Amino acid sequence: MPNTMITSSATERIPAHVPVYNMLYAGIINGIYKDGVQLPSETTLSEMYGVSRNTVRLALAILNEDGLIQKSQGKGTLVTYRGNGETLNQSLNYNPLIQCAKEEIESIDISFNYGPPTEVAQRRLGIKATEIVLASNNVYSFGGKPVGHSFIQIPVKHINDINVDLHSEDEVSTLINKTIFEMAAKAKLTIRLIFAEENITSFLQIQPNDPVIYIEEVLFNARDEGLARCKLYFIPDKYEISISM
């Protein structure tokens, strides 16, 4: 990324919707909310968890991206979880948000923090709730406009193995956007077309319900240890995505 401008910020604050997401995710995975069951309304959930409706809405948007729920006209929000439908593939070994852009990415804006893993990260990466992960939101731009966004979680234990200085913004950026992909021996991929909700419209500066290509890529090393969970969002007309199997 020799010509790419990197801007970065770090924060210790965990977004308010994450604990709500964790509790709903656990309820779905553990069968409290079964396939086809209607979830409580946003108002009810906000009262249950003591948060705003907007916070609940963000948590539901991410559950929808993960394929666990779906909004149904006249029926509310239905659970659609039927088990693990991911496919094991060879790793891309590069960040497609950079490599597959139709024009060269000119800038990457990174905001990261450290904290305990979400419920879904624990399951996808095979890590414990007591472990610490680096979590980073990254916005990729060219022509002065965002074209892609990623949310990447990396267990700190793997960062320690490669001697990255976590106080260096340049080294953290290289880790997130290059090194972690190159380290992967294989990956699990999930690819969907989704419609943008508030959790990504603010990053991509697009309108609610605009179509977005969504790829979840869970990276593994040669010992089948989870290296990273990468949630990748692409504005469709800004990318040409090719995956070799």
C-alpha atoms as a PDB file:
ATOM      1  CA  MET A   1       0.000   0.000   0.000  1.00  0.00           C
ATOM      2  CA  PRO A   2       2.822   2.452  -0.843  1.00  0.00           C
ATOM      3  CA  ASN A   3       0.574   5.240  -2.182  1.00  0.00           C
ATOM      4  CA  THR A   4      -2.288   4.822   0.257  1.00  0.00           C
ATOM      5  CA  MET A   5      -2.889   7.463   2.905  1.00  0.00           C
ATOM      6  CA  ILE A   6      -3.652   5.909   6.307  1.00  0.00           C
ATOM      7  CA  THR A   7      -5.520   7.722   9.070  1.00  0.00           C
ATOM      8  CA  SER A   8      -6.119   6.017  12.385  1.00  0.00           C
ATOM      9  CA  SER A   9      -7.687   6.383  15.793  1.00  0.00           C
ATOM     10  CA  ALA A  10      -7.900   4.085  18.807  1.00  0.00           C
ATOM     11  CA  THR A  11     -10.579   3.876  21.468  1.00  0.00           C
ATOM     12  CA  GLU A  12     -11.294   1.661  24.453  1.00  0.00           C
ATOM     13  CA  ARG A  13     -15.075   2.085  24.155  1.00  0.00           C
ATOM     14  CA  ILE A  14     -17.112  -0.960  23.111  1.00  0.00           C
ATOM     15  CA  PRO A  15     -20.217   0.075  21.075  1.00  0.00           C
ATOM     16  CA  ALA A  16     -23.491  -0.167  23.016  1.00  0.00           C
ATOM     17  CA  HIS A  17     -25.113  -2.531  20.517  1.00  0.00           C
ATOM     18  CA  VAL A  18     -22.450  -5.247  20.966  1.00  0.00           C
ATOM     19  CA  PRO A  19     -23.755  -6.659  24.315  1.00  0.00           C
ATOM     20  CA  VAL A  20     -27.311  -6.674  22.902  1.00  0.00           C
ATOM     21  CA  TYR A  21     -26.080  -8.498  19.807  1.00  0.00           C
ATOM     22  CA  ASN A  22     -24.227 -11.014  21.989  1.00  0.00           C
ATOM     23  CA  MET A  23     -27.329 -11.809  24.066  1.00  0.00           C
ATOM     24  CA  LEU A  24     -29.599 -12.192  21.043  1.00  0.00           C
ATOM     25  CA  TYR A  25     -26.982 -14.239  19.184  1.00  0.00           C
ATOM     26  CA  ALA A  26     -26.608 -16.592  22.154  1.00  0.00           C
ATOM     27  CA  GLY A  27     -30.402 -16.922  22.420  1.00  0.00           C
ATOM     28  CA  ILE A  28     -30.661 -17.906  18.738  1.00  0.00           C
ATOM     29  CA  ILE A  29     -27.682 -20.286  18.679  1.00  0.00           C
ATOM     30  CA  ASN A  30     -28.768 -21.977  21.925  1.00  0.00           C
ATOM     31  CA  GLY A  31     -32.353 -22.486  20.747  1.00  0.00           C
ATOM     32  CA  ILE A  32     -34.128 -19.970  22.988  1.00  0.00           C
ATOM     33  CA  TYR A  33     -35.306 -18.341  19.758  1.00  0.00           C
ATOM     34  CA  LYS A  34     -35.826 -21.199  17.279  1.00  0.00           C
ATOM     35  CA  ASP A  35     -35.973 -21.156  13.489  1.00  0.00           C
ATOM     36  CA  GLY A  36     -39.192 -19.484  12.318  1.00  0.00           C
ATOM     37  CA  VAL A  37     -39.946 -17.874  15.683  1.00  0.00           C
ATOM     38  CA  GLN A  38     -40.731 -14.160  15.778  1.00  0.00           C
ATOM     39  CA  LEU A  39     -38.384 -12.079  17.910  1.00  0.00           C
ATOM     40  CA  PRO A  40     -39.854  -9.558  20.371  1.00  0.00           C
ATOM     41  CA  SER A  41     -40.432  -6.076  18.941  1.00  0.00           C
ATOM     42  CA  GLU A  42     -37.692  -3.424  18.999  1.00  0.00           C
ATOM     43  CA  THR A  43     -39.601  -1.625  21.753  1.00  0.00           C
ATOM     44  CA  THR A  44     -39.811  -4.788  23.870  1.00  0.00           C
ATOM     45  CA  LEU A  45     -36.137  -5.601  23.330  1.00  0.00           C
ATOM     46  CA  SER A  46     -35.083  -2.069  24.247  1.00  0.00           C
ATOM     47  CA  GLU A  47     -37.013  -2.400  27.522  1.00  0.00           C
ATOM     48  CA  MET A  48     -35.585  -5.891  28.187  1.00  0.00           C
ATOM     49  CA  TYR A  49     -31.982  -4.743  27.750  1.00  0.00           C
ATOM     50  CA  GLY A  50     -32.321  -1.163  29.012  1.00  0.00           C
ATOM     51  CA  VAL A  51     -31.050   0.430  25.790  1.00  0.00           C
ATOM     52  CA  SER A  52     -32.466   2.688  23.086  1.00  0.00           C
ATOM     53  CA  ARG A  53     -34.408   1.372  20.102  1.00  0.00           C
ATOM     54  CA  ASN A  54     -31.609   2.594  17.846  1.00  0.00           C
ATOM     55  CA  THR A  55     -29.134   0.388  19.748  1.00  0.00           C
ATOM     56  CA  VAL A  56     -31.462  -2.598  19.331  1.00  0.00           C
ATOM     57  CA  ARG A  57     -31.868  -1.769  15.635  1.00  0.00           C
ATOM     58  CA  LEU A  58     -28.085  -1.867  15.100  1.00  0.00           C
ATOM     59  CA  ALA A  59     -27.831  -5.249  16.844  1.00  0.00           C
ATOM     60  CA  LEU A  60     -30.649  -6.624  14.686  1.00  0.00           C
ATOM     61  CA  ALA A  61     -29.011  -5.275  11.516  1.00  0.00           C
ATOM     62  CA  ILE A  62     -25.851  -7.264  12.228  1.00  0.00           C
ATOM     63  CA  LEU A  63     -27.847 -10.416  13.085  1.00  0.00           C
ATOM     64  CA  ASN A  64     -29.557  -9.988   9.716  1.00  0.00           C
ATOM     65  CA  GLU A  65     -26.169  -9.707   7.946  1.00  0.00           C
ATOM     66  CA  ASP A  66     -25.054 -12.895   9.692  1.00  0.00           C
ATOM     67  CA  GLY A  67     -28.082 -14.721   8.270  1.00  0.00           C
ATOM     68  CA  LEU A  68     -29.670 -15.388  11.663  1.00  0.00           C
ATOM     69  CA  ILE A  69     -32.833 -13.277  11.284  1.00  0.00           C
ATOM     70  CA  GLN A  70     -34.950 -11.737   8.540  1.00  0.00           C
ATOM     71  CA  LYS A  71     -37.530  -8.971   8.544  1.00  0.00           C
ATOM     72  CA  SER A  72     -40.848 -10.162   7.134  1.00  0.00           C
ATOM     73  CA  GLN A  73     -43.645  -7.855   5.977  1.00  0.00           C
ATOM     74  CA  GLY A  74     -46.523  -8.132   8.437  1.00  0.00           C
ATOM     75  CA  LYS A  75     -44.746 -10.763  10.568  1.00  0.00           C
ATOM     76  CA  GLY A  76     -41.991  -8.781  12.273  1.00  0.00           C
ATOM     77  CA  THR A  77     -38.456 -10.153  12.645  1.00  0.00           C
ATOM     78  CA  LEU A  78     -38.180 -13.927  12.193  1.00  0.00           C
ATOM     79  CA  VAL A  79     -35.333 -16.248  13.204  1.00  0.00           C
ATOM     80  CA  THR A  80     -33.805 -17.973  10.154  1.00  0.00           C
ATOM     81  CA  TYR A  81     -30.917 -19.858  11.796  1.00  0.00           C
ATOM     82  CA  ARG A  82     -30.736 -23.510  10.692  1.00  0.00           C
ATOM     83  CA  GLY A  83     -27.151 -24.350  11.580  1.00  0.00           C
ATOM     84  CA  ASN A  84     -23.755 -23.570  10.100  1.00  0.00           C
ATOM     85  CA  GLY A  85     -23.927 -23.099   6.329  1.00  0.00           C
ATOM     86  CA  GLU A  86     -20.393 -21.852   5.738  1.00  0.00           C
ATOM     87  CA  THR A  87     -18.096 -23.396   3.154  1.00  0.00           C
ATOM     88  CA  LEU A  88     -14.400 -24.090   3.661  1.00  0.00           C
ATOM     89  CA  ASN A  89     -12.313 -22.636   0.845  1.00  0.00           C
ATOM     90  CA  GLN A  90      -8.761 -21.698   0.106  1.00  0.00           C
ATOM     91  CA  SER A  91      -7.876 -18.303   1.579  1.00  0.00           C
ATOM     92  CA  LEU A  92      -7.776 -15.311  -0.745  1.00  0.00           C
ATOM     93  CA  ASN A  93      -4.415 -14.345   0.837  1.00  0.00           C
ATOM     94  CA  TYR A  94      -5.165 -10.673   0.160  1.00  0.00           C
ATOM     95  CA  ASN A  95      -7.647  -8.062   1.276  1.00  0.00           C
ATOM     96  CA  PRO A  96     -10.258  -7.909  -1.524  1.00  0.00           C
ATOM     97  CA  LEU A  97     -11.363  -4.435  -0.430  1.00  0.00           C
ATOM     98  CA  ILE A  98      -7.966  -3.232  -1.645  1.00  0.00           C
ATOM     99  CA  GLN A  99      -7.074  -5.685  -4.408  1.00  0.00           C
ATOM    100  CA  CYS A 100     -10.493  -5.931  -6.125  1.00  0.00           C
ATOM    101  CA  ALA A 101     -11.315  -2.213  -6.294  1.00  0.00           C
ATOM    102  CA  LYS A 102     -11.790  -0.889  -9.838  1.00  0.00           C
ATOM    103  CA  GLU A 103      -9.553   2.057  -8.981  1.00  0.00           C
ATOM    104  CA  GLU A 104      -6.568   2.180  -6.631  1.00  0.00           C
ATOM    105  CA  ILE A 105      -7.579   2.774  -3.011  1.00  0.00           C
ATOM    106  CA  GLU A 106      -6.250   6.213  -2.062  1.00  0.00           C
ATOM    107  CA  SER A 107      -6.970   6.280   1.668  1.00  0.00           C
ATOM    108  CA  ILE A 108      -7.913   3.979   4.541  1.00  0.00           C
ATOM    109  CA  ASP A 109      -9.456   5.355   7.723  1.00  0.00           C
ATOM    110  CA  ILE A 110      -8.955   2.985  10.662  1.00  0.00           C
ATOM    111  CA  SER A 111     -10.575   3.059  14.110  1.00  0.00           C
ATOM    112  CA  PHE A 112      -9.630   0.235  16.486  1.00  0.00           C
ATOM    113  CA  ASN A 113      -9.932  -0.899  20.089  1.00  0.00           C
ATOM    114  CA  TYR A 114      -9.089  -3.887  22.283  1.00  0.00           C
ATOM    115  CA  GLY A 115     -11.546  -5.883  24.332  1.00  0.00           C
ATOM    116  CA  PRO A 116     -13.243  -9.253  24.888  1.00  0.00           C
ATOM    117  CA  PRO A 117     -14.567 -11.087  21.815  1.00  0.00           C
ATOM    118  CA  THR A 118     -18.220 -11.015  20.844  1.00  0.00           C
ATOM    119  CA  GLU A 119     -20.210 -14.251  21.125  1.00  0.00           C
ATOM    120  CA  VAL A 120     -20.035 -14.821  17.393  1.00  0.00           C
ATOM    121  CA  ALA A 121     -16.269 -14.175  17.313  1.00  0.00           C
ATOM    122  CA  GLN A 122     -15.786 -16.779  20.040  1.00  0.00           C
ATOM    123  CA  ARG A 123     -17.586 -19.380  17.954  1.00  0.00           C
ATOM    124  CA  ARG A 124     -16.144 -18.447  14.559  1.00  0.00           C
ATOM    125  CA  LEU A 125     -12.555 -18.194  15.816  1.00  0.00           C
ATOM    126  CA  GLY A 126     -12.683 -20.931  18.457  1.00  0.00           C
ATOM    127  CA  ILE A 127     -11.507 -18.622  21.247  1.00  0.00           C
ATOM    128  CA  LYS A 128     -12.493 -18.118  24.874  1.00  0.00           C
ATOM    129  CA  ALA A 129     -14.543 -15.268  26.313  1.00  0.00           C
ATOM    130  CA  THR A 130     -11.529 -14.296  28.451  1.00  0.00           C
ATOM    131  CA  GLU A 131      -9.273 -13.678  25.449  1.00  0.00           C
ATOM    132  CA  ILE A 132      -8.603 -10.196  24.078  1.00  0.00           C
ATOM    133  CA  VAL A 133      -9.162  -9.223  20.450  1.00  0.00           C
ATOM    134  CA  LEU A 134      -8.180  -6.272  18.325  1.00  0.00           C
ATOM    135  CA  ALA A 135     -11.387  -4.965  16.699  1.00  0.00           C
ATOM    136  CA  SER A 136     -11.111  -2.471  13.858  1.00  0.00           C
ATOM    137  CA  ASN A 137     -13.537  -0.575  11.617  1.00  0.00           C
ATOM    138  CA  ASN A 138     -11.877   0.391   8.339  1.00  0.00           C
ATOM    139  CA  VAL A 139     -13.170   2.614   5.535  1.00  0.00           C
ATOM    140  CA  TYR A 140     -11.590   2.404   2.044  1.00  0.00           C
ATOM    141  CA  SER A 141     -11.880   5.399  -0.284  1.00  0.00           C
ATOM    142  CA  PHE A 142     -10.904   6.665  -3.699  1.00  0.00           C
ATOM    143  CA  GLY A 143     -11.894   9.889  -5.439  1.00  0.00           C
ATOM    144  CA  GLY A 144     -12.620  11.318  -1.994  1.00  0.00           C
ATOM    145  CA  LYS A 145     -15.534   8.908  -1.418  1.00  0.00           C
ATOM    146  CA  PRO A 146     -15.879   5.655   0.567  1.00  0.00           C
ATOM    147  CA  VAL A 147     -16.214   2.542  -1.590  1.00  0.00           C
ATOM    148  CA  GLY A 148     -15.810  -0.222   0.998  1.00  0.00           C
ATOM    149  CA  HIS A 149     -15.849  -0.949   4.710  1.00  0.00           C
ATOM    150  CA  SER A 150     -14.529  -3.762   6.874  1.00  0.00           C
ATOM    151  CA  PHE A 151     -14.891  -4.830  10.478  1.00  0.00           C
ATOM    152  CA  ILE A 152     -12.023  -7.117  11.467  1.00  0.00           C
ATOM    153  CA  GLN A 153     -11.436  -8.988  14.747  1.00  0.00           C
ATOM    154  CA  ILE A 154      -8.020 -10.521  15.473  1.00  0.00           C
ATOM    155  CA  PRO A 155      -7.105 -12.424  18.675  1.00  0.00           C
ATOM    156  CA  VAL A 156      -4.183 -10.584  20.254  1.00  0.00           C
ATOM    157  CA  LYS A 157      -2.386 -13.892  20.915  1.00  0.00           C
ATOM    158  CA  HIS A 158      -1.749 -14.216  17.166  1.00  0.00           C
ATOM    159  CA  ILE A 159      -0.497 -10.652  16.959  1.00  0.00           C
ATOM    160  CA  ASN A 160       2.017 -11.405  19.701  1.00  0.00           C
ATOM    161  CA  ASP A 161       3.324 -14.313  17.608  1.00  0.00           C
ATOM    162  CA  ILE A 162       4.427 -11.998  14.785  1.00  0.00           C
ATOM    163  CA  ASN A 163       5.922  -9.201  16.868  1.00  0.00           C
ATOM    164  CA  VAL A 164       3.672  -6.318  15.793  1.00  0.00           C
ATOM    165  CA  ASP A 165       3.952  -3.086  17.773  1.00  0.00           C
ATOM    166  CA  LEU A 166       0.335  -2.394  18.761  1.00  0.00           C
ATOM    167  CA  HIS A 167       1.264   1.188  19.616  1.00  0.00           C
ATOM    168  CA  SER A 168       2.302   1.846  16.006  1.00  0.00           C
ATOM    169  CA  GLU A 169      -0.589   2.933  13.768  1.00  0.00           C
ATOM    170  CA  ASP A 170       1.361   2.016  10.629  1.00  0.00           C
ATOM    171  CA  GLU A 171       2.097  -1.500  11.883  1.00  0.00           C
ATOM    172  CA  VAL A 172      -1.512  -2.039  13.009  1.00  0.00           C
ATOM    173  CA  SER A 173      -2.747  -0.881   9.600  1.00  0.00           C
ATOM    174  CA  THR A 174      -0.403  -3.254   7.785  1.00  0.00           C
ATOM    175  CA  LEU A 175      -1.495  -6.092  10.068  1.00  0.00           C
ATOM    176  CA  ILE A 176      -5.207  -5.466   9.440  1.00  0.00           C
ATOM    177  CA  ASN A 177      -5.033  -4.855   5.706  1.00  0.00           C
ATOM    178  CA  LYS A 178      -2.198  -7.113   4.570  1.00  0.00           C
ATOM    179  CA  THR A 179      -0.351  -9.344   7.042  1.00  0.00           C
ATOM    180  CA  ILE A 180      -3.313 -11.201   8.553  1.00  0.00           C
ATOM    181  CA  PHE A 181      -4.526 -12.216   5.063  1.00  0.00           C
ATOM    182  CA  GLU A 182      -1.053 -13.398   4.019  1.00  0.00           C
ATOM    183  CA  MET A 183      -0.772 -15.511   7.195  1.00  0.00           C
ATOM    184  CA  ALA A 184      -3.929 -17.498   6.413  1.00  0.00           C
ATOM    185  CA  ALA A 185      -3.730 -21.083   5.144  1.00  0.00           C
ATOM    186  CA  LYS A 186      -7.478 -21.334   4.465  1.00  0.00           C
ATOM    187  CA  ALA A 187     -10.754 -19.582   5.097  1.00  0.00           C
ATOM    188  CA  LYS A 188     -14.489 -20.004   5.540  1.00  0.00           C
ATOM    189  CA  LEU A 189     -16.461 -17.715   3.255  1.00  0.00           C
ATOM    190  CA  THR A 190     -20.042 -16.511   3.331  1.00  0.00           C
ATOM    191  CA  ILE A 191     -21.160 -14.215   0.491  1.00  0.00           C
ATOM    192  CA  ARG A 192     -24.476 -12.338   0.368  1.00  0.00           C
ATOM    193  CA  LEU A 193     -26.162  -9.371  -1.246  1.00  0.00           C
ATOM    194  CA  ILE A 194     -27.585  -7.285   1.589  1.00  0.00           C
ATOM    195  CA  PHE A 195     -29.419  -3.985   1.855  1.00  0.00           C
ATOM    196  CA  ALA A 196     -27.681  -1.297   3.856  1.00  0.00           C
ATOM    197  CA  GLU A 197     -28.826  -0.445   7.356  1.00  0.00           C
ATOM    198  CA  GLU A 198     -27.525   2.154   9.777  1.00  0.00           C
ATOM    199  CA  ASN A 199     -24.498   0.164  10.923  1.00  0.00           C
ATOM    200  CA  ILE A 200     -22.902   0.537   7.464  1.00  0.00           C
ATOM    201  CA  THR A 201     -24.625   3.544   5.853  1.00  0.00           C
ATOM    202  CA  SER A 202     -22.615   5.894   8.071  1.00  0.00           C
ATOM    203  CA  PHE A 203     -19.314   4.308   7.013  1.00  0.00           C
ATOM    204  CA  LEU A 204     -20.093   4.083   3.288  1.00  0.00           C
ATOM    205  CA  GLN A 205     -22.135   7.309   3.081  1.00  0.00           C
ATOM    206  CA  ILE A 206     -24.961   5.561   1.248  1.00  0.00           C
ATOM    207  CA  GLN A 207     -28.722   5.493   1.697  1.00  0.00           C
ATOM    208  CA  PRO A 208     -30.645   2.920   3.776  1.00  0.00           C
ATOM    209  CA  ASN A 209     -31.583  -0.143   1.694  1.00  0.00           C
ATOM    210  CA  ASP A 210     -28.934   0.516  -0.969  1.00  0.00           C
ATOM    211  CA  PRO A 211     -27.540  -2.858  -2.168  1.00  0.00           C
ATOM    212  CA  VAL A 212     -24.147  -3.892  -0.753  1.00  0.00           C
ATOM    213  CA  ILE A 213     -22.046  -6.996  -1.391  1.00  0.00           C
ATOM    214  CA  TYR A 214     -21.199  -8.613   1.952  1.00  0.00           C
ATOM    215  CA  ILE A 215     -18.473 -11.208   2.505  1.00  0.00           C
ATOM    216  CA  GLU A 216     -17.661 -12.762   5.866  1.00  0.00           C
ATOM    217  CA  GLU A 217     -14.215 -14.358   5.721  1.00  0.00           C
ATOM    218  CA  VAL A 218     -12.895 -16.285   8.724  1.00  0.00           C
ATOM    219  CA  LEU A 219      -9.156 -16.860   8.337  1.00  0.00           C
ATOM    220  CA  PHE A 220      -7.311 -19.913   9.727  1.00  0.00           C
ATOM    221  CA  ASN A 221      -3.634 -20.796  10.044  1.00  0.00           C
ATOM    222  CA  ALA A 222      -2.117 -24.182   9.186  1.00  0.00           C
ATOM    223  CA  ARG A 223      -3.023 -25.462  12.683  1.00  0.00           C
ATOM    224  CA  ASP A 224      -6.723 -24.635  12.068  1.00  0.00           C
ATOM    225  CA  GLU A 225      -6.610 -21.813  14.633  1.00  0.00           C
ATOM    226  CA  GLY A 226      -8.837 -18.840  13.909  1.00  0.00           C
ATOM    227  CA  LEU A 227      -6.632 -15.895  12.900  1.00  0.00           C
ATOM    228  CA  ALA A 228      -9.293 -13.305  12.130  1.00  0.00           C
ATOM    229  CA  ARG A 229     -12.958 -12.696  11.419  1.00  0.00           C
ATOM    230  CA  CYS A 230     -13.357 -10.228   8.559  1.00  0.00           C
ATOM    231  CA  LYS A 231     -16.705  -8.641   7.680  1.00  0.00           C
ATOM    232  CA  LEU A 232     -16.286  -6.982   4.287  1.00  0.00           C
ATOM    233  CA  TYR A 233     -18.768  -4.590   2.628  1.00  0.00           C
ATOM    234  CA  PHE A 234     -18.454  -3.516  -1.021  1.00  0.00           C
ATOM    235  CA  ILE A 235     -20.350  -0.876  -3.015  1.00  0.00           C
ATOM    236  CA  PRO A 236     -21.138  -3.118  -6.026  1.00  0.00           C
ATOM    237  CA  ASP A 237     -20.237  -0.812  -8.925  1.00  0.00           C
ATOM    238  CA  LYS A 238     -16.855   0.047  -7.374  1.00  0.00           C
ATOM    239  CA  TYR A 239     -15.538  -3.533  -7.319  1.00  0.00           C
ATOM    240  CA  GLU A 240     -14.869  -6.549  -9.524  1.00  0.00           C
ATOM    241  CA  ILE A 241     -14.555  -9.524  -7.196  1.00  0.00           C
ATOM    242  CA  SER A 242     -12.976 -12.740  -8.477  1.00  0.00           C
ATOM    243  CA  ILE A 243     -12.392 -15.729  -6.183  1.00  0.00           C
ATOM    244  CA  SER A 244     -10.275 -18.689  -7.342  1.00  0.00           C
ATOM    245  CA  MET A 245     -11.231 -21.990  -5.715  1.00  0.00           C
END
